[in-house]
Each structure stands twice: as C-alpha cells, then as structure tokens.
C-alpha cells in the first residue's frame, strides 16, 4: 500500500463558481480500486441511516459521491466492483 504525505494549506486550491464565492479545495488522489469501492458503497447506502455526529458529515459524503460521479468509476461493472473490493481488502492488515 502506498502512503501519501498529508495535505497542507499550500496544497489547497481556490475554486470559483460556488454560490457563496471562493471555497478552498484540495486535490485528493485515490487508488482507482478505492474510488470504485467508495462509489459502490455510497450508491448503495442510505445516508440517512449512516451514524453521524454532525449534519456536515452527511453532506461531505454526498459531496464525495457527487465528485465520484464525475469520473469514470460510475460505469464500473459488477466484475470490476468485485475485483476492486478484493484489491482493497487484500492488504488491510487489521
């Protein structure tokens, strides 16, 4: 498993076009398999049933799903999802 360095404010970008003005953003790189697994889980999960401590957590999950919908993982087949799940789970170590 490859480890990435933590993001800093220097990594943050300003994204223009949100209704409330400029919003700091970060670029986040994921393994394709992680993206497929996360997308599949988010699509099959009732976010109203996910335990949260603050409503922003549910919104952040919805935002993540929206971003994942913008990349090619949205068209993953059942076989690709199963392979991604196996890839992600094989070296968990816990």
N, C-alpha and C. Protein backbone atom coordinates (compact mmCIF):
# COMPACT_ATOMS: atom_id res chain seq x y z
N UNK A 1 0.85 -1.17 0.00
CA UNK A 1 0.00 0.00 0.00
C UNK A 1 0.90 1.24 0.00
N UNK A 2 0.61 2.17 -0.86
CA UNK A 2 1.39 3.39 -0.96
C UNK A 2 0.85 4.44 0.00
N UNK A 3 1.72 5.05 0.76
CA UNK A 3 1.32 6.11 1.67
C UNK A 3 1.56 7.46 1.01
N UNK A 4 0.66 8.38 1.22
CA UNK A 4 0.81 9.73 0.68
C UNK A 4 1.11 10.68 1.83
N UNK A 5 1.78 11.75 1.51
CA UNK A 5 2.06 12.78 2.51
C UNK A 5 0.76 13.53 2.83
N UNK A 6 0.60 13.99 4.05
CA UNK A 6 -0.61 14.74 4.40
C UNK A 6 -0.67 16.04 3.62
N UNK A 7 -1.91 16.47 3.35
CA UNK A 7 -2.11 17.72 2.63
C UNK A 7 -1.85 18.90 3.55
N UNK A 8 -1.35 19.96 2.98
CA UNK A 8 -1.12 21.20 3.72
C UNK A 8 -1.95 22.29 3.07
N UNK A 9 -2.02 23.45 3.70
CA UNK A 9 -2.74 24.57 3.10
C UNK A 9 -2.12 24.99 1.78
N UNK A 10 -0.80 24.72 1.61
CA UNK A 10 -0.17 25.02 0.33
C UNK A 10 -0.73 24.16 -0.79
N UNK A 11 -1.30 23.01 -0.43
CA UNK A 11 -1.90 22.13 -1.42
C UNK A 11 -3.31 22.57 -1.81
N UNK A 12 -3.90 23.43 -1.00
CA UNK A 12 -5.28 23.85 -1.23
C UNK A 12 -5.37 24.76 -2.44
N UNK A 13 -6.45 24.64 -3.16
CA UNK A 13 -6.72 25.49 -4.31
C UNK A 13 -7.97 26.31 -4.03
N UNK A 14 -8.13 27.40 -4.71
CA UNK A 14 -9.36 28.17 -4.59
C UNK A 14 -10.24 27.84 -5.80
N UNK A 15 -11.45 27.42 -5.54
CA UNK A 15 -12.37 27.09 -6.61
C UNK A 15 -13.42 28.18 -6.68
N UNK A 16 -13.56 28.76 -7.85
CA UNK A 16 -14.51 29.84 -8.06
C UNK A 16 -15.78 29.26 -8.68
N UNK A 17 -16.91 29.85 -8.41
CA UNK A 17 -18.13 29.42 -9.04
C UNK A 17 -19.16 28.87 -8.07
N UNK A 18 -18.79 28.69 -6.82
CA UNK A 18 -19.78 28.28 -5.83
C UNK A 18 -20.69 29.46 -5.56
N UNK A 19 -21.93 29.20 -5.21
CA UNK A 19 -22.86 30.31 -4.97
C UNK A 19 -22.40 31.25 -3.86
N UNK A 20 -21.62 30.74 -2.92
CA UNK A 20 -21.20 31.57 -1.80
C UNK A 20 -19.81 32.16 -2.01
N UNK A 21 -19.24 32.04 -3.22
CA UNK A 21 -17.95 32.65 -3.50
C UNK A 21 -16.84 31.64 -3.59
N UNK A 22 -15.66 32.06 -3.23
CA UNK A 22 -14.48 31.19 -3.32
C UNK A 22 -14.45 30.22 -2.14
N UNK A 23 -14.21 28.98 -2.46
CA UNK A 23 -14.16 27.93 -1.44
C UNK A 23 -12.84 27.19 -1.56
N UNK A 24 -12.08 27.09 -0.47
CA UNK A 24 -10.83 26.32 -0.56
C UNK A 24 -11.12 24.86 -0.87
N UNK A 25 -10.35 24.28 -1.75
CA UNK A 25 -10.50 22.87 -2.10
C UNK A 25 -9.15 22.18 -1.97
N UNK A 26 -9.17 20.87 -2.00
CA UNK A 26 -7.94 20.09 -2.01
C UNK A 26 -8.03 19.07 -3.15
N UNK A 27 -6.90 18.74 -3.70
CA UNK A 27 -6.82 17.65 -4.67
C UNK A 27 -6.52 16.38 -3.89
N UNK A 28 -7.29 15.36 -4.15
CA UNK A 28 -7.14 14.10 -3.43
C UNK A 28 -6.98 12.99 -4.45
N UNK A 29 -5.87 12.28 -4.36
CA UNK A 29 -5.64 11.16 -5.26
C UNK A 29 -6.01 9.87 -4.55
N UNK A 30 -6.79 9.04 -5.23
CA UNK A 30 -7.21 7.74 -4.70
C UNK A 30 -6.77 6.65 -5.66
N UNK A 31 -6.52 5.47 -5.11
CA UNK A 31 -6.39 4.32 -5.98
C UNK A 31 -7.72 4.18 -6.72
N UNK A 32 -7.68 3.76 -7.95
CA UNK A 32 -8.92 3.55 -8.70
C UNK A 32 -9.81 2.55 -7.97
N UNK A 33 -9.19 1.50 -7.42
CA UNK A 33 -9.98 0.50 -6.69
C UNK A 33 -10.69 1.12 -5.49
N UNK A 34 -10.01 2.00 -4.76
CA UNK A 34 -10.65 2.69 -3.63
C UNK A 34 -11.84 3.51 -4.11
N UNK A 35 -11.65 4.21 -5.23
CA UNK A 35 -12.74 5.05 -5.77
C UNK A 35 -13.94 4.20 -6.16
N UNK A 36 -13.68 3.06 -6.78
CA UNK A 36 -14.78 2.16 -7.17
C UNK A 36 -15.51 1.65 -5.94
N UNK A 37 -14.76 1.20 -4.93
CA UNK A 37 -15.38 0.67 -3.70
C UNK A 37 -16.18 1.76 -3.00
N UNK A 38 -15.62 2.96 -2.87
CA UNK A 38 -16.33 4.06 -2.22
C UNK A 38 -17.59 4.43 -3.00
N UNK A 39 -17.48 4.53 -4.31
CA UNK A 39 -18.64 4.88 -5.13
C UNK A 39 -19.74 3.84 -4.99
N UNK A 40 -19.37 2.57 -5.08
CA UNK A 40 -20.35 1.50 -4.95
C UNK A 40 -21.04 1.54 -3.59
N UNK A 41 -20.24 1.75 -2.53
CA UNK A 41 -20.81 1.82 -1.19
C UNK A 41 -21.74 3.02 -1.04
N UNK A 42 -21.29 4.18 -1.50
CA UNK A 42 -22.11 5.39 -1.36
C UNK A 42 -23.42 5.27 -2.15
N UNK A 43 -23.36 4.63 -3.32
CA UNK A 43 -24.57 4.46 -4.13
C UNK A 43 -25.56 3.50 -3.49
N UNK A 44 -25.06 2.55 -2.70
CA UNK A 44 -25.94 1.54 -2.11
C UNK A 44 -26.28 1.82 -0.65
N UNK A 45 -25.84 2.96 -0.13
CA UNK A 45 -26.04 3.29 1.27
C UNK A 45 -27.08 4.39 1.42
N UNK A 46 -27.98 4.20 2.37
CA UNK A 46 -28.92 5.26 2.73
C UNK A 46 -28.19 6.20 3.68
N UNK A 47 -27.80 7.36 3.18
CA UNK A 47 -27.03 8.29 4.01
C UNK A 47 -27.80 8.73 5.25
N UNK A 48 -29.12 8.62 5.22
CA UNK A 48 -29.91 8.95 6.41
C UNK A 48 -29.73 7.92 7.51
N UNK A 49 -29.25 6.73 7.14
CA UNK A 49 -29.05 5.66 8.13
C UNK A 49 -27.61 5.60 8.64
N UNK A 50 -26.71 6.37 8.05
CA UNK A 50 -25.32 6.36 8.48
C UNK A 50 -25.19 7.17 9.76
N UNK A 51 -24.60 6.58 10.81
CA UNK A 51 -24.46 7.35 12.06
C UNK A 51 -23.51 8.53 11.88
N UNK A 52 -23.98 9.69 12.25
CA UNK A 52 -23.18 10.91 12.15
C UNK A 52 -23.26 11.67 13.46
N UNK A 53 -22.27 12.54 13.68
CA UNK A 53 -22.27 13.41 14.85
C UNK A 53 -22.67 14.82 14.48
N UNK A 54 -22.59 15.15 13.18
CA UNK A 54 -22.92 16.49 12.72
C UNK A 54 -23.46 16.38 11.30
N UNK A 55 -24.48 17.17 10.94
CA UNK A 55 -25.06 17.10 9.60
C UNK A 55 -24.03 17.33 8.48
N UNK A 56 -22.97 18.05 8.76
CA UNK A 56 -21.95 18.30 7.75
C UNK A 56 -21.28 17.00 7.30
N UNK A 57 -21.25 15.99 8.17
CA UNK A 57 -20.64 14.71 7.80
C UNK A 57 -21.44 14.05 6.69
N UNK A 58 -22.76 14.09 6.80
CA UNK A 58 -23.61 13.52 5.75
C UNK A 58 -23.45 14.31 4.46
N UNK A 59 -23.37 15.63 4.56
CA UNK A 59 -23.20 16.46 3.38
C UNK A 59 -21.85 16.18 2.71
N UNK A 60 -20.81 15.98 3.52
CA UNK A 60 -19.49 15.67 2.96
C UNK A 60 -19.52 14.35 2.19
N UNK A 61 -20.24 13.35 2.70
CA UNK A 61 -20.37 12.09 1.97
C UNK A 61 -21.13 12.29 0.66
N UNK A 62 -22.17 13.09 0.69
CA UNK A 62 -22.93 13.40 -0.54
C UNK A 62 -22.04 14.15 -1.54
N UNK A 63 -21.22 15.06 -1.05
CA UNK A 63 -20.29 15.79 -1.92
C UNK A 63 -19.27 14.85 -2.53
N UNK A 64 -18.76 13.90 -1.74
CA UNK A 64 -17.81 12.92 -2.24
C UNK A 64 -18.46 12.08 -3.35
N UNK A 65 -19.69 11.65 -3.12
CA UNK A 65 -20.41 10.89 -4.13
C UNK A 65 -20.55 11.71 -5.41
N UNK A 66 -20.89 12.98 -5.28
CA UNK A 66 -21.04 13.84 -6.46
C UNK A 66 -19.74 13.95 -7.24
N UNK A 67 -18.62 14.05 -6.54
CA UNK A 67 -17.32 14.12 -7.22
C UNK A 67 -16.97 12.80 -7.89
N UNK A 68 -17.28 11.68 -7.21
CA UNK A 68 -17.00 10.38 -7.81
C UNK A 68 -17.86 10.14 -9.05
N UNK A 69 -19.05 10.73 -9.09
CA UNK A 69 -19.91 10.60 -10.26
C UNK A 69 -19.32 11.30 -11.47
N UNK A 70 -18.36 12.19 -11.26
CA UNK A 70 -17.76 12.93 -12.36
C UNK A 70 -16.61 12.18 -13.03
N UNK A 71 -16.19 11.05 -12.46
CA UNK A 71 -15.10 10.27 -13.04
C UNK A 71 -15.64 8.95 -13.57
N UNK A 72 -14.80 8.19 -14.22
CA UNK A 72 -15.27 7.00 -14.93
C UNK A 72 -15.64 5.82 -14.06
N UNK A 73 -15.54 5.91 -12.75
CA UNK A 73 -15.93 4.78 -11.90
C UNK A 73 -17.43 4.55 -11.91
N UNK A 74 -18.18 5.53 -12.35
CA UNK A 74 -19.64 5.42 -12.38
C UNK A 74 -20.11 4.28 -13.27
N UNK A 75 -19.30 3.91 -14.25
CA UNK A 75 -19.69 2.87 -15.19
C UNK A 75 -19.05 1.51 -14.87
N UNK A 76 -18.58 1.33 -13.65
CA UNK A 76 -17.94 0.07 -13.26
C UNK A 76 -18.94 -1.08 -13.31
N UNK A 77 -18.47 -2.21 -13.84
CA UNK A 77 -19.31 -3.40 -13.90
C UNK A 77 -19.26 -4.13 -12.56
N UNK A 78 -20.14 -5.09 -12.38
CA UNK A 78 -20.14 -5.90 -11.16
C UNK A 78 -18.80 -6.61 -10.99
N UNK A 79 -18.23 -7.06 -12.11
CA UNK A 79 -16.93 -7.74 -12.06
C UNK A 79 -15.83 -6.77 -11.61
N UNK A 80 -15.86 -5.55 -12.12
CA UNK A 80 -14.87 -4.55 -11.72
C UNK A 80 -15.02 -4.18 -10.25
N UNK A 81 -16.26 -4.09 -9.78
CA UNK A 81 -16.51 -3.78 -8.37
C UNK A 81 -15.97 -4.91 -7.48
N UNK A 82 -16.24 -6.15 -7.85
CA UNK A 82 -15.75 -7.29 -7.07
C UNK A 82 -14.23 -7.32 -7.06
N UNK A 83 -13.61 -7.06 -8.21
CA UNK A 83 -12.14 -7.05 -8.28
C UNK A 83 -11.57 -5.91 -7.44
N UNK A 84 -12.22 -4.76 -7.46
CA UNK A 84 -11.76 -3.62 -6.67
C UNK A 84 -11.88 -3.92 -5.18
N UNK A 85 -12.99 -4.54 -4.77
CA UNK A 85 -13.17 -4.91 -3.37
C UNK A 85 -12.08 -5.87 -2.92
N UNK A 86 -11.76 -6.84 -3.76
CA UNK A 86 -10.71 -7.80 -3.42
C UNK A 86 -9.36 -7.09 -3.32
N UNK A 87 -9.06 -6.21 -4.25
CA UNK A 87 -7.79 -5.48 -4.26
C UNK A 87 -7.64 -4.62 -3.01
N UNK A 88 -8.67 -3.91 -2.65
CA UNK A 88 -8.61 -3.02 -1.49
C UNK A 88 -8.49 -3.82 -0.19
N UNK A 89 -9.20 -4.92 -0.11
CA UNK A 89 -9.25 -5.71 1.14
C UNK A 89 -8.05 -6.62 1.34
N UNK A 90 -7.25 -6.89 0.31
CA UNK A 90 -6.24 -7.93 0.44
C UNK A 90 -5.09 -7.59 1.39
N UNK A 91 -4.72 -6.35 1.50
CA UNK A 91 -3.60 -5.98 2.37
C UNK A 91 -4.02 -5.08 3.52
N UNK A 92 -5.20 -5.31 4.04
CA UNK A 92 -5.72 -4.43 5.09
C UNK A 92 -4.87 -4.49 6.35
N UNK A 93 -4.46 -5.67 6.77
CA UNK A 93 -3.61 -5.80 7.93
C UNK A 93 -4.30 -5.53 9.26
N UNK A 94 -5.60 -5.45 9.28
CA UNK A 94 -6.34 -5.28 10.53
C UNK A 94 -7.72 -5.87 10.40
